[in-house]
C-alpha atoms as a PDB file:
ATOM      1  CA  MET A   1      31.970   7.849  72.497  1.00  0.00           C
ATOM      2  CA  ALA A   2      28.265   8.257  71.636  1.00  0.00           C
ATOM      3  CA  GLY A   3      26.380   5.359  70.090  1.00  0.00           C
ATOM      4  CA  VAL A   4      28.632   2.569  71.436  1.00  0.00           C
ATOM      5  CA  ILE A   5      27.937   0.217  74.346  1.00  0.00           C
ATOM      6  CA  THR A   6      30.705  -1.801  75.991  1.00  0.00           C
ATOM      7  CA  LYS A   7      29.671  -5.086  77.590  1.00  0.00           C
ATOM      8  CA  LYS A   8      31.565  -7.639  79.673  1.00  0.00           C
ATOM      9  CA  VAL A   9      31.500 -11.285  78.584  1.00  0.00           C
ATOM     10  CA  ILE A  10      30.928 -13.770  81.413  1.00  0.00           C
ATOM     11  CA  HIS A  11      30.910 -17.579  81.286  1.00  0.00           C
ATOM     12  CA  GLY A  12      29.170 -19.587  83.990  1.00  0.00           C
ATOM     13  CA  VAL A  13      30.332 -23.230  83.910  1.00  0.00           C
ATOM     14  CA  TYR A  14      28.206 -26.036  85.413  1.00  0.00           C
ATOM     15  CA  ASP A  15      28.634 -29.771  86.017  1.00  0.00           C
ATOM     16  CA  ASP A  16      24.992 -30.727  85.475  1.00  0.00           C
ATOM     17  CA  GLU A  17      21.999 -29.516  83.480  1.00  0.00           C
ATOM     18  CA  VAL A  18      19.637 -29.162  86.465  1.00  0.00           C
ATOM     19  CA  PRO A  19      21.594 -26.316  88.142  1.00  0.00           C
ATOM     20  CA  LEU A  20      22.076 -24.770  84.699  1.00  0.00           C
ATOM     21  CA  LEU A  21      18.300 -24.718  84.144  1.00  0.00           C
ATOM     22  CA  GLU A  22      17.757 -23.202  87.576  1.00  0.00           C
ATOM     23  CA  ALA A  23      20.398 -20.547  86.898  1.00  0.00           C
ATOM     24  CA  CYS A  24      18.739 -19.697  83.576  1.00  0.00           C
ATOM     25  CA  LYS A  25      15.388 -19.299  85.335  1.00  0.00           C
ATOM     26  CA  LYS A  26      16.939 -17.056  88.010  1.00  0.00           C
ATOM     27  CA  LEU A  27      18.728 -14.936  85.397  1.00  0.00           C
ATOM     28  CA  LYS A  28      15.531 -14.512  83.403  1.00  0.00           C
ATOM     29  CA  ALA A  29      13.597 -13.602  86.568  1.00  0.00           C
ATOM     30  CA  ALA A  30      16.264 -10.969  87.331  1.00  0.00           C
ATOM     31  CA  GLY A  31      15.769  -9.480  83.858  1.00  0.00           C
ATOM     32  CA  ILE A  32      19.142 -10.554  82.474  1.00  0.00           C
ATOM     33  CA  LYS A  33      19.270 -11.654  78.838  1.00  0.00           C
ATOM     34  CA  ILE A  34      21.149 -14.897  78.217  1.00  0.00           C
ATOM     35  CA  LYS A  35      23.232 -14.725  75.052  1.00  0.00           C
ATOM     36  CA  ASP A  36      23.631 -18.503  74.607  1.00  0.00           C
ATOM     37  CA  VAL A  37      23.909 -21.844  76.405  1.00  0.00           C
ATOM     38  CA  PHE A  38      26.351 -24.598  75.422  1.00  0.00           C
ATOM     39  CA  SER A  39      25.940 -28.234  76.458  1.00  0.00           C
ATOM     40  CA  PRO A  40      27.234 -31.654  75.394  1.00  0.00           C
ATOM     41  CA  PHE A  41      23.681 -32.857  74.679  1.00  0.00           C
ATOM     42  CA  PRO A  42      20.244 -31.279  74.100  1.00  0.00           C
ATOM     43  CA  ILE A  43      18.539 -29.962  77.224  1.00  0.00           C
ATOM     44  CA  HIS A  44      14.784 -30.338  76.883  1.00  0.00           C
ATOM     45  CA  GLY A  45      12.785 -27.288  77.887  1.00  0.00           C
ATOM     46  CA  ILE A  46      15.625 -24.764  77.810  1.00  0.00           C
ATOM     47  CA  ASP A  47      14.589 -22.999  74.591  1.00  0.00           C
ATOM     48  CA  PRO A  48      11.642 -21.044  76.032  1.00  0.00           C
ATOM     49  CA  ILE A  49      13.650 -20.233  79.166  1.00  0.00           C
ATOM     50  CA  ILE A  50      16.530 -18.580  77.302  1.00  0.00           C
ATOM     51  CA  GLY A  51      14.314 -17.111  74.588  1.00  0.00           C
ATOM     52  CA  VAL A  52      15.226 -19.192  71.540  1.00  0.00           C
ATOM     53  CA  PRO A  53      12.469 -18.832  68.922  1.00  0.00           C
ATOM     54  CA  ARG A  54      10.805 -21.869  67.381  1.00  0.00           C
ATOM     55  CA  THR A  55      12.712 -23.176  64.363  1.00  0.00           C
ATOM     56  CA  ARG A  56      11.481 -22.814  60.791  1.00  0.00           C
ATOM     57  CA  LEU A  57      13.213 -25.970  59.577  1.00  0.00           C
ATOM     58  CA  ALA A  58       9.879 -27.799  59.342  1.00  0.00           C
ATOM     59  CA  ILE A  59       8.803 -25.350  56.630  1.00  0.00           C
ATOM     60  CA  CYS A  60      11.966 -26.205  54.685  1.00  0.00           C
ATOM     61  CA  ALA A  61      11.250 -29.931  55.085  1.00  0.00           C
ATOM     62  CA  PHE A  62       7.728 -29.433  53.724  1.00  0.00           C
ATOM     63  CA  ILE A  63       9.040 -27.497  50.708  1.00  0.00           C
ATOM     64  CA  TYR A  64      11.705 -30.139  50.015  1.00  0.00           C
ATOM     65  CA  GLY A  65       9.051 -32.863  50.287  1.00  0.00           C
ATOM     66  CA  LEU A  66       6.750 -31.038  47.862  1.00  0.00           C
ATOM     67  CA  THR A  67       9.687 -30.676  45.465  1.00  0.00           C
ATOM     68  CA  GLY A  68      10.358 -34.419  45.641  1.00  0.00           C
ATOM     69  CA  CYS A  69       6.681 -35.246  45.150  1.00  0.00           C
ATOM     70  CA  GLY A  70       6.415 -32.894  42.175  1.00  0.00           C
ATOM     71  CA  LEU A  71       9.589 -34.174  40.542  1.00  0.00           C
ATOM     72  CA  ALA A  72       8.485 -37.795  40.977  1.00  0.00           C
ATOM     73  CA  THR A  73       5.062 -37.076  39.500  1.00  0.00           C
ATOM     74  CA  LEU A  74       6.559 -35.230  36.557  1.00  0.00           C
ATOM     75  CA  MET A  75       9.114 -37.981  35.964  1.00  0.00           C
ATOM     76  CA  MET A  76       6.519 -40.779  36.065  1.00  0.00           C
ATOM     77  CA  TRP A  77       4.117 -38.915  33.789  1.00  0.00           C
ATOM     78  CA  TYR A  78       6.869 -38.243  31.268  1.00  0.00           C
ATOM     79  CA  MET A  79       8.335 -41.757  31.313  1.00  0.00           C
ATOM     80  CA  MET A  80       5.171 -43.840  31.561  1.00  0.00           C
ATOM     81  CA  ILE A  81       2.562 -41.733  29.708  1.00  0.00           C
ATOM     82  CA  SER A  82       4.197 -39.221  27.390  1.00  0.00           C
ATOM     83  CA  ASP A  83       7.543 -40.574  26.195  1.00  0.00           C
ATOM     84  CA  TRP A  84       7.233 -44.358  26.138  1.00  0.00           C
ATOM     85  CA  PRO A  85       3.752 -45.646  26.988  1.00  0.00           C
ATOM     86  CA  THR A  86       4.042 -49.359  27.599  1.00  0.00           C
ATOM     87  CA  ASP A  87       1.225 -51.759  28.416  1.00  0.00           C
ATOM     88  CA  VAL A  88       2.306 -53.302  31.701  1.00  0.00           C
ATOM     89  CA  GLY A  89      -0.265 -55.625  33.230  1.00  0.00           C
ATOM     90  CA  GLY A  90      -3.135 -54.008  31.331  1.00  0.00           C
ATOM     91  CA  LYS A  91      -2.723 -50.561  32.912  1.00  0.00           C
ATOM     92  CA  PRO A  92      -4.051 -47.723  30.772  1.00  0.00           C
ATOM     93  CA  THR A  93      -1.295 -45.648  29.169  1.00  0.00           C
ATOM     94  CA  TRP A  94      -3.293 -42.614  27.979  1.00  0.00           C
ATOM     95  CA  ALA A  95      -3.852 -40.810  31.324  1.00  0.00           C
ATOM     96  CA  TYR A  96      -1.708 -40.416  34.421  1.00  0.00           C
ATOM     97  CA  PHE A  97      -4.564 -40.314  36.954  1.00  0.00           C
ATOM     98  CA  TYR A  98      -5.632 -43.888  36.058  1.00  0.00           C
ATOM     99  CA  ASN A  99      -2.179 -45.100  37.148  1.00  0.00           C
ATOM    100  CA  VAL A 100      -1.822 -43.111  40.382  1.00  0.00           C
ATOM    101  CA  PRO A 101      -2.256 -46.132  42.720  1.00  0.00           C
ATOM    102  CA  ALA A 102       0.703 -47.861  41.039  1.00  0.00           C
ATOM    103  CA  PHE A 103       2.840 -44.722  41.389  1.00  0.00           C
ATOM    104  CA  ILE A 104       2.203 -44.044  45.110  1.00  0.00           C
ATOM    105  CA  PRO A 105       5.306 -45.928  46.387  1.00  0.00           C
ATOM    106  CA  ILE A 106       7.596 -44.093  43.958  1.00  0.00           C
ATOM    107  CA  THR A 107       6.045 -40.751  44.888  1.00  0.00           C
ATOM    108  CA  PHE A 108       6.415 -41.453  48.611  1.00  0.00           C
ATOM    109  CA  GLU A 109      10.035 -42.580  48.331  1.00  0.00           C
ATOM    110  CA  SER A 110      10.999 -39.572  46.208  1.00  0.00           C
ATOM    111  CA  THR A 111       9.304 -37.236  48.693  1.00  0.00           C
ATOM    112  CA  VAL A 112      11.219 -38.755  51.605  1.00  0.00           C
ATOM    113  CA  LEU A 113      14.494 -38.776  49.651  1.00  0.00           C
ATOM    114  CA  CYS A 114      14.308 -35.092  48.730  1.00  0.00           C
ATOM    115  CA  ALA A 115      13.091 -34.020  52.182  1.00  0.00           C
ATOM    116  CA  GLY A 116      15.809 -35.990  53.961  1.00  0.00           C
ATOM    117  CA  HIS A 117      18.671 -34.866  51.763  1.00  0.00           C
ATOM    118  CA  GLY A 118      17.426 -31.279  51.643  1.00  0.00           C
ATOM    119  CA  MET A 119      17.162 -31.114  55.435  1.00  0.00           C
ATOM    120  CA  ALA A 120      20.634 -32.607  55.918  1.00  0.00           C
ATOM    121  CA  ILE A 121      22.160 -30.059  53.546  1.00  0.00           C
ATOM    122  CA  THR A 122      20.166 -27.192  55.087  1.00  0.00           C
ATOM    123  CA  TYR A 123      21.236 -28.213  58.594  1.00  0.00           C
ATOM    124  CA  LEU A 124      24.904 -28.465  57.647  1.00  0.00           C
ATOM    125  CA  LEU A 125      24.879 -25.098  55.878  1.00  0.00           C
ATOM    126  CA  ARG A 126      22.803 -23.350  58.559  1.00  0.00           C
ATOM    127  CA  CYS A 127      25.106 -24.555  61.347  1.00  0.00           C
ATOM    128  CA  MET A 128      28.201 -23.930  59.224  1.00  0.00           C
ATOM    129  CA  LEU A 129      29.315 -27.546  59.636  1.00  0.00           C
ATOM    130  CA  VAL A 130      31.319 -27.466  56.447  1.00  0.00           C
ATOM    131  CA  PRO A 131      34.899 -28.709  56.001  1.00  0.00           C
ATOM    132  CA  GLY A 132      37.354 -26.290  57.566  1.00  0.00           C
ATOM    133  CA  ALA A 133      34.806 -24.585  59.829  1.00  0.00           C
ATOM    134  CA  ARG A 134      35.926 -23.610  63.327  1.00  0.00           C
ATOM    135  CA  ALA A 135      33.997 -24.576  66.445  1.00  0.00           C
ATOM    136  CA  LYS A 136      31.692 -21.878  67.823  1.00  0.00           C
ATOM    137  CA  ASN A 137      31.674 -23.039  71.424  1.00  0.00           C
ATOM    138  CA  PRO A 138      33.676 -20.793  73.753  1.00  0.00           C
ATOM    139  CA  ASP A 139      34.960 -23.656  75.933  1.00  0.00           C
ATOM    140  CA  PRO A 140      35.938 -27.044  74.464  1.00  0.00           C
ATOM    141  CA  ARG A 141      34.799 -28.799  77.650  1.00  0.00           C
ATOM    142  CA  THR A 142      31.184 -28.182  76.594  1.00  0.00           C
ATOM    143  CA  THR A 143      31.549 -30.960  74.020  1.00  0.00           C
ATOM    144  CA  ASN A 144      32.423 -33.469  76.750  1.00  0.00           C
ATOM    145  CA  ASP A 145      30.949 -32.985  80.215  1.00  0.00           C
ATOM    146  CA  LYS A 146      30.463 -29.298  81.101  1.00  0.00           C
ATOM    147  CA  PHE A 147      27.582 -26.855  80.591  1.00  0.00           C
ATOM    148  CA  LEU A 148      28.094 -23.139  79.969  1.00  0.00           C
ATOM    149  CA  ILE A 149      25.986 -19.984  80.114  1.00  0.00           C
ATOM    150  CA  LEU A 150      27.298 -17.129  77.967  1.00  0.00           C
ATOM    151  CA  LEU A 151      26.312 -13.634  79.109  1.00  0.00           C
ATOM    152  CA  GLU A 152      27.099 -10.161  77.758  1.00  0.00           C
ATOM    153  CA  LEU A 153      26.410  -7.554  80.443  1.00  0.00           C
ATOM    154  CA  PRO A 154      27.047  -3.919  81.263  1.00  0.00           C
ATOM    155  CA  GLU A 155      29.998  -3.582  83.638  1.00  0.00           C
ATOM    156  CA  GLU A 156      27.867  -2.404  86.572  1.00  0.00           C
ATOM    157  CA  LYS A 157      25.885  -5.674  86.656  1.00  0.00           C
ATOM    158  CA  THR A 158      28.837  -8.091  86.560  1.00  0.00           C
ATOM    159  CA  THR A 159      29.293  -8.575  90.323  1.00  0.00           C
ATOM    160  CA  GLU A 160      25.558  -9.067  90.874  1.00  0.00           C
ATOM    161  CA  VAL A 161      25.362 -11.659  88.093  1.00  0.00           C
ATOM    162  CA  GLU A 162      28.562 -13.382  89.209  1.00  0.00           C
ATOM    163  CA  ASN A 163      27.079 -13.859  92.692  1.00  0.00           C
ATOM    164  CA  LEU A 164      23.806 -15.101  91.191  1.00  0.00           C
ATOM    165  CA  LEU A 165      25.660 -17.668  89.048  1.00  0.00           C
ATOM    166  CA  ARG A 166      27.691 -18.908  92.012  1.00  0.00           C
ATOM    167  CA  THR A 167      24.601 -19.272  94.238  1.00  0.00           C
ATOM    168  CA  ALA A 168      22.889 -21.182  91.415  1.00  0.00           C
ATOM    169  CA  GLY A 169      25.643 -23.822  91.430  1.00  0.00           C
ATOM    170  CA  ALA A 170      28.270 -22.627  88.964  1.00  0.00           C
ATOM    171  CA  ILE A 171      31.634 -24.334  89.473  1.00  0.00           C
ATOM    172  CA  GLU A 172      33.420 -21.546  87.574  1.00  0.00           C
ATOM    173  CA  VAL A 173      32.596 -17.962  86.649  1.00  0.00           C
ATOM    174  CA  ASN A 174      35.024 -16.603  84.070  1.00  0.00           C
ATOM    175  CA  HIS A 175      35.393 -13.087  82.679  1.00  0.00           C
ATOM    176  CA  LYS A 176      36.334 -13.311  79.008  1.00  0.00           C
ATOM    177  CA  GLY A 177      36.872  -9.692  78.011  1.00  0.00           C
ATOM    178  CA  THR A 178      34.613  -7.057  76.505  1.00  0.00           C
ATOM    179  CA  VAL A 179      32.402  -6.640  73.465  1.00  0.00           C
ATOM    180  CA  THR A 180      31.549  -3.304  71.877  1.00  0.00           C
ATOM    181  CA  GLU A 181      28.185  -2.869  70.227  1.00  0.00           C
ATOM    182  CA  LYS A 182      27.082   0.046  68.039  1.00  0.00           C
ATOM    183  CA  LEU A 183      23.655   1.466  68.713  1.00  0.00           C
ATOM    184  CA  PRO A 184      21.331   1.806  65.697  1.00  0.00           C
ATOM    185  CA  TYR A 185      20.898   5.572  66.136  1.00  0.00           C
END
């Protein structure tokens, strides 16, 4: 059938992160694209090896922080200057900018509150960690003590890659079926 590629799914299971990193480096050097890596804890330095792009979550945090800062400023101006100006300790009540030093702690706390809550919600939604969501890891042992490399390869490369995974220290190499992929043309 034209326009469809069939790929084999292979899992390489490891006991430790050091052989996993070495296997990822060998796979990349051989020109094999790694679909994903699963581990029970973060492995520092693996993102550039497997080709994970830098996250844009920091941009979201900045936007949430600006939102919190803006809302706090608007709230303080409305409450303390516009709606109910009250003479507290001789502070001027006719202009917001004269009172900015007194409002810095409130502005800071509101910025942190909105950034923190916004990032938590964004993270949970982005990772689909909502009630009733199913786990995305292909092997439940990766949440405890095993490390896994997930590969999708053409059938002719499977034996070569299986040997490469075993020589790199894999304790198991499992074939998990096939995946069909439509070509864009």
